[in-house]
């Protein structure tokens, strides 16, 4: 369960108007290669509530979790409200809108994990 607590903290730090990939979140949790576990956690509510889950896309920028939202176009609408463009196929341009976290942000997350004992 510590992984899901870490993923929750990472997701809460995704800036408005940016998206992160499942793999990026797993990497910041210290578990590179666990992208599917991030998706599972988001899809099953294991990461807590009030997360900006609409800011999470797959490695191609595709809104692969869109079906988990209450309405079919909810993820798209939430992203577009934040100024993130989504093309007709449901893909976000990661070069333009991807969260390019810094080393300082990664170290701050690591310190946060230690503080919470996770």
C-alpha atoms as a PDB file:
ATOM      1  CA  UNK A   1       0.000   0.000   0.000  1.00  0.00           C
ATOM      2  CA  UNK A   2       2.980   2.340   0.408  1.00  0.00           C
ATOM      3  CA  UNK A   3       3.272   2.493  -3.386  1.00  0.00           C
ATOM      4  CA  UNK A   4      -0.270   3.833  -3.662  1.00  0.00           C
ATOM      5  CA  UNK A   5       0.343   6.422  -0.946  1.00  0.00           C
ATOM      6  CA  UNK A   6       3.439   7.549  -2.836  1.00  0.00           C
ATOM      7  CA  UNK A   7       1.511   7.678  -6.114  1.00  0.00           C
ATOM      8  CA  UNK A   8      -1.167   9.797  -4.452  1.00  0.00           C
ATOM      9  CA  UNK A   9       1.436  12.337  -3.333  1.00  0.00           C
ATOM     10  CA  UNK A  10       2.981  12.437  -6.807  1.00  0.00           C
ATOM     11  CA  UNK A  11      -0.381  12.899  -8.531  1.00  0.00           C
ATOM     12  CA  UNK A  12      -1.254  15.795  -6.250  1.00  0.00           C
ATOM     13  CA  UNK A  13       1.871  17.600  -7.491  1.00  0.00           C
ATOM     14  CA  UNK A  14       1.079  17.433 -11.202  1.00  0.00           C
ATOM     15  CA  UNK A  15       0.762  21.112 -12.122  1.00  0.00           C
ATOM     16  CA  UNK A  16      -2.425  22.529 -13.563  1.00  0.00           C
ATOM     17  CA  UNK A  17      -2.190  22.698 -17.343  1.00  0.00           C
ATOM     18  CA  UNK A  18       0.243  19.760 -17.488  1.00  0.00           C
ATOM     19  CA  UNK A  19      -0.078  15.992 -17.778  1.00  0.00           C
ATOM     20  CA  UNK A  20       2.060  13.160 -16.429  1.00  0.00           C
ATOM     21  CA  UNK A  21       2.342   9.606 -17.674  1.00  0.00           C
ATOM     22  CA  UNK A  22       1.671   6.496 -15.622  1.00  0.00           C
ATOM     23  CA  UNK A  23       5.330   5.580 -16.072  1.00  0.00           C
ATOM     24  CA  UNK A  24       6.523   8.987 -14.908  1.00  0.00           C
ATOM     25  CA  UNK A  25       4.458   8.667 -11.745  1.00  0.00           C
ATOM     26  CA  UNK A  26       5.865   5.176 -11.106  1.00  0.00           C
ATOM     27  CA  UNK A  27       9.391   6.496 -11.624  1.00  0.00           C
ATOM     28  CA  UNK A  28       8.839   9.332  -9.144  1.00  0.00           C
ATOM     29  CA  UNK A  29       7.513   6.737  -6.681  1.00  0.00           C
ATOM     30  CA  UNK A  30      10.849   4.936  -6.934  1.00  0.00           C
ATOM     31  CA  UNK A  31       9.354   2.025  -8.882  1.00  0.00           C
ATOM     32  CA  UNK A  32      10.227   2.466 -12.559  1.00  0.00           C
ATOM     33  CA  UNK A  33       8.378  -0.037 -14.695  1.00  0.00           C
ATOM     34  CA  UNK A  34       5.272  -0.056 -12.496  1.00  0.00           C
ATOM     35  CA  UNK A  35       3.117   2.100 -14.771  1.00  0.00           C
ATOM     36  CA  UNK A  36       0.311  -0.473 -14.791  1.00  0.00           C
ATOM     37  CA  UNK A  37       0.203  -0.446 -11.016  1.00  0.00           C
ATOM     38  CA  UNK A  38      -0.373   3.322 -11.137  1.00  0.00           C
ATOM     39  CA  UNK A  39      -3.238   2.798 -13.577  1.00  0.00           C
ATOM     40  CA  UNK A  40      -4.710   0.051 -11.424  1.00  0.00           C
ATOM     41  CA  UNK A  41      -4.535   2.255  -8.342  1.00  0.00           C
ATOM     42  CA  UNK A  42      -6.196   5.180 -10.088  1.00  0.00           C
ATOM     43  CA  UNK A  43      -8.881   2.990 -11.625  1.00  0.00           C
ATOM     44  CA  UNK A  44      -9.753   1.294  -8.339  1.00  0.00           C
ATOM     45  CA  UNK A  45      -9.628   4.348  -6.068  1.00  0.00           C
ATOM     46  CA  UNK A  46      -6.543   3.158  -4.171  1.00  0.00           C
ATOM     47  CA  UNK A  47      -4.823   6.537  -4.428  1.00  0.00           C
ATOM     48  CA  UNK A  48      -7.404   8.425  -2.413  1.00  0.00           C
ATOM     49  CA  UNK A  49      -9.881  11.079  -3.397  1.00  0.00           C
ATOM     50  CA  UNK A  50      -9.674  14.544  -4.882  1.00  0.00           C
ATOM     51  CA  UNK A  51      -6.783  13.710  -7.165  1.00  0.00           C
ATOM     52  CA  UNK A  52      -6.220  15.439 -10.489  1.00  0.00           C
ATOM     53  CA  UNK A  53      -6.527  12.047 -12.222  1.00  0.00           C
ATOM     54  CA  UNK A  54      -7.534  13.790 -15.432  1.00  0.00           C
ATOM     55  CA  UNK A  55      -3.887  14.910 -15.716  1.00  0.00           C
ATOM     56  CA  UNK A  56      -2.645  11.318 -16.133  1.00  0.00           C
ATOM     57  CA  UNK A  57      -2.190   9.855 -19.624  1.00  0.00           C
ATOM     58  CA  UNK A  58      -0.319   6.923 -21.118  1.00  0.00           C
ATOM     59  CA  UNK A  59       3.186   7.050 -22.609  1.00  0.00           C
ATOM     60  CA  UNK A  60       1.827   8.171 -26.004  1.00  0.00           C
ATOM     61  CA  UNK A  61      -0.232  10.950 -24.450  1.00  0.00           C
ATOM     62  CA  UNK A  62      -3.474   9.011 -24.943  1.00  0.00           C
ATOM     63  CA  UNK A  63      -6.235   9.456 -22.364  1.00  0.00           C
ATOM     64  CA  UNK A  64      -6.388   5.721 -21.682  1.00  0.00           C
ATOM     65  CA  UNK A  65      -8.196   6.195 -18.366  1.00  0.00           C
ATOM     66  CA  UNK A  66     -11.012   8.310 -19.819  1.00  0.00           C
ATOM     67  CA  UNK A  67     -13.528   5.484 -19.402  1.00  0.00           C
ATOM     68  CA  UNK A  68     -13.080   5.691 -15.617  1.00  0.00           C
ATOM     69  CA  UNK A  69     -14.669   9.140 -15.473  1.00  0.00           C
ATOM     70  CA  UNK A  70     -18.384   9.743 -14.888  1.00  0.00           C
ATOM     71  CA  UNK A  71     -18.943  11.087 -18.397  1.00  0.00           C
ATOM     72  CA  UNK A  72     -17.251   9.877 -21.607  1.00  0.00           C
ATOM     73  CA  UNK A  73     -15.648  13.264 -22.365  1.00  0.00           C
ATOM     74  CA  UNK A  74     -14.994  14.362 -18.765  1.00  0.00           C
ATOM     75  CA  UNK A  75     -11.202  13.921 -18.886  1.00  0.00           C
ATOM     76  CA  UNK A  76     -11.004  15.864 -22.150  1.00  0.00           C
ATOM     77  CA  UNK A  77     -13.211  18.652 -20.778  1.00  0.00           C
ATOM     78  CA  UNK A  78     -11.184  18.966 -17.574  1.00  0.00           C
ATOM     79  CA  UNK A  79      -7.900  19.111 -19.492  1.00  0.00           C
ATOM     80  CA  UNK A  80      -9.204  21.631 -22.000  1.00  0.00           C
ATOM     81  CA  UNK A  81     -10.479  23.796 -19.120  1.00  0.00           C
ATOM     82  CA  UNK A  82      -6.856  23.945 -17.937  1.00  0.00           C
ATOM     83  CA  UNK A  83      -5.633  24.922 -21.415  1.00  0.00           C
ATOM     84  CA  UNK A  84      -4.391  21.463 -22.430  1.00  0.00           C
ATOM     85  CA  UNK A  85      -5.179  20.643 -26.067  1.00  0.00           C
ATOM     86  CA  UNK A  86      -6.471  17.158 -26.850  1.00  0.00           C
ATOM     87  CA  UNK A  87      -6.663  15.997 -30.471  1.00  0.00           C
ATOM     88  CA  UNK A  88      -9.553  14.073 -32.061  1.00  0.00           C
ATOM     89  CA  UNK A  89      -8.019  10.716 -31.130  1.00  0.00           C
ATOM     90  CA  UNK A  90      -7.773  11.709 -27.457  1.00  0.00           C
ATOM     91  CA  UNK A  91      -4.036  12.358 -27.479  1.00  0.00           C
ATOM     92  CA  UNK A  92      -2.203  15.145 -25.652  1.00  0.00           C
ATOM     93  CA  UNK A  93       1.063  16.501 -27.057  1.00  0.00           C
ATOM     94  CA  UNK A  94       3.522  15.443 -24.335  1.00  0.00           C
ATOM     95  CA  UNK A  95       6.258  17.733 -25.649  1.00  0.00           C
ATOM     96  CA  UNK A  96       4.020  20.717 -25.138  1.00  0.00           C
ATOM     97  CA  UNK A  97       1.895  19.722 -22.135  1.00  0.00           C
ATOM     98  CA  UNK A  98       3.942  17.020 -20.411  1.00  0.00           C
ATOM     99  CA  UNK A  99       5.073  17.712 -16.859  1.00  0.00           C
ATOM    100  CA  UNK A 100       8.835  18.083 -16.990  1.00  0.00           C
ATOM    101  CA  UNK A 101       9.529  17.566 -13.311  1.00  0.00           C
ATOM    102  CA  UNK A 102      12.837  18.789 -11.959  1.00  0.00           C
ATOM    103  CA  UNK A 103      15.423  16.993  -9.859  1.00  0.00           C
ATOM    104  CA  UNK A 104      14.440  19.310  -7.002  1.00  0.00           C
ATOM    105  CA  UNK A 105      10.826  18.124  -7.266  1.00  0.00           C
ATOM    106  CA  UNK A 106      11.947  14.481  -7.271  1.00  0.00           C
ATOM    107  CA  UNK A 107      14.134  15.042  -4.206  1.00  0.00           C
ATOM    108  CA  UNK A 108      11.300  16.865  -2.437  1.00  0.00           C
ATOM    109  CA  UNK A 109       9.029  13.880  -3.076  1.00  0.00           C
ATOM    110  CA  UNK A 110      11.676  11.506  -1.752  1.00  0.00           C
ATOM    111  CA  UNK A 111      11.943  13.605   1.416  1.00  0.00           C
ATOM    112  CA  UNK A 112       8.163  13.568   1.735  1.00  0.00           C
ATOM    113  CA  UNK A 113       8.103   9.769   1.439  1.00  0.00           C
ATOM    114  CA  UNK A 114      10.703   9.510   4.203  1.00  0.00           C
ATOM    115  CA  UNK A 115       8.748  11.916   6.398  1.00  0.00           C
ATOM    116  CA  UNK A 116       5.613   9.763   6.039  1.00  0.00           C
ATOM    117  CA  UNK A 117       7.582   6.544   6.435  1.00  0.00           C
ATOM    118  CA  UNK A 118       6.609   5.268   3.042  1.00  0.00           C
END
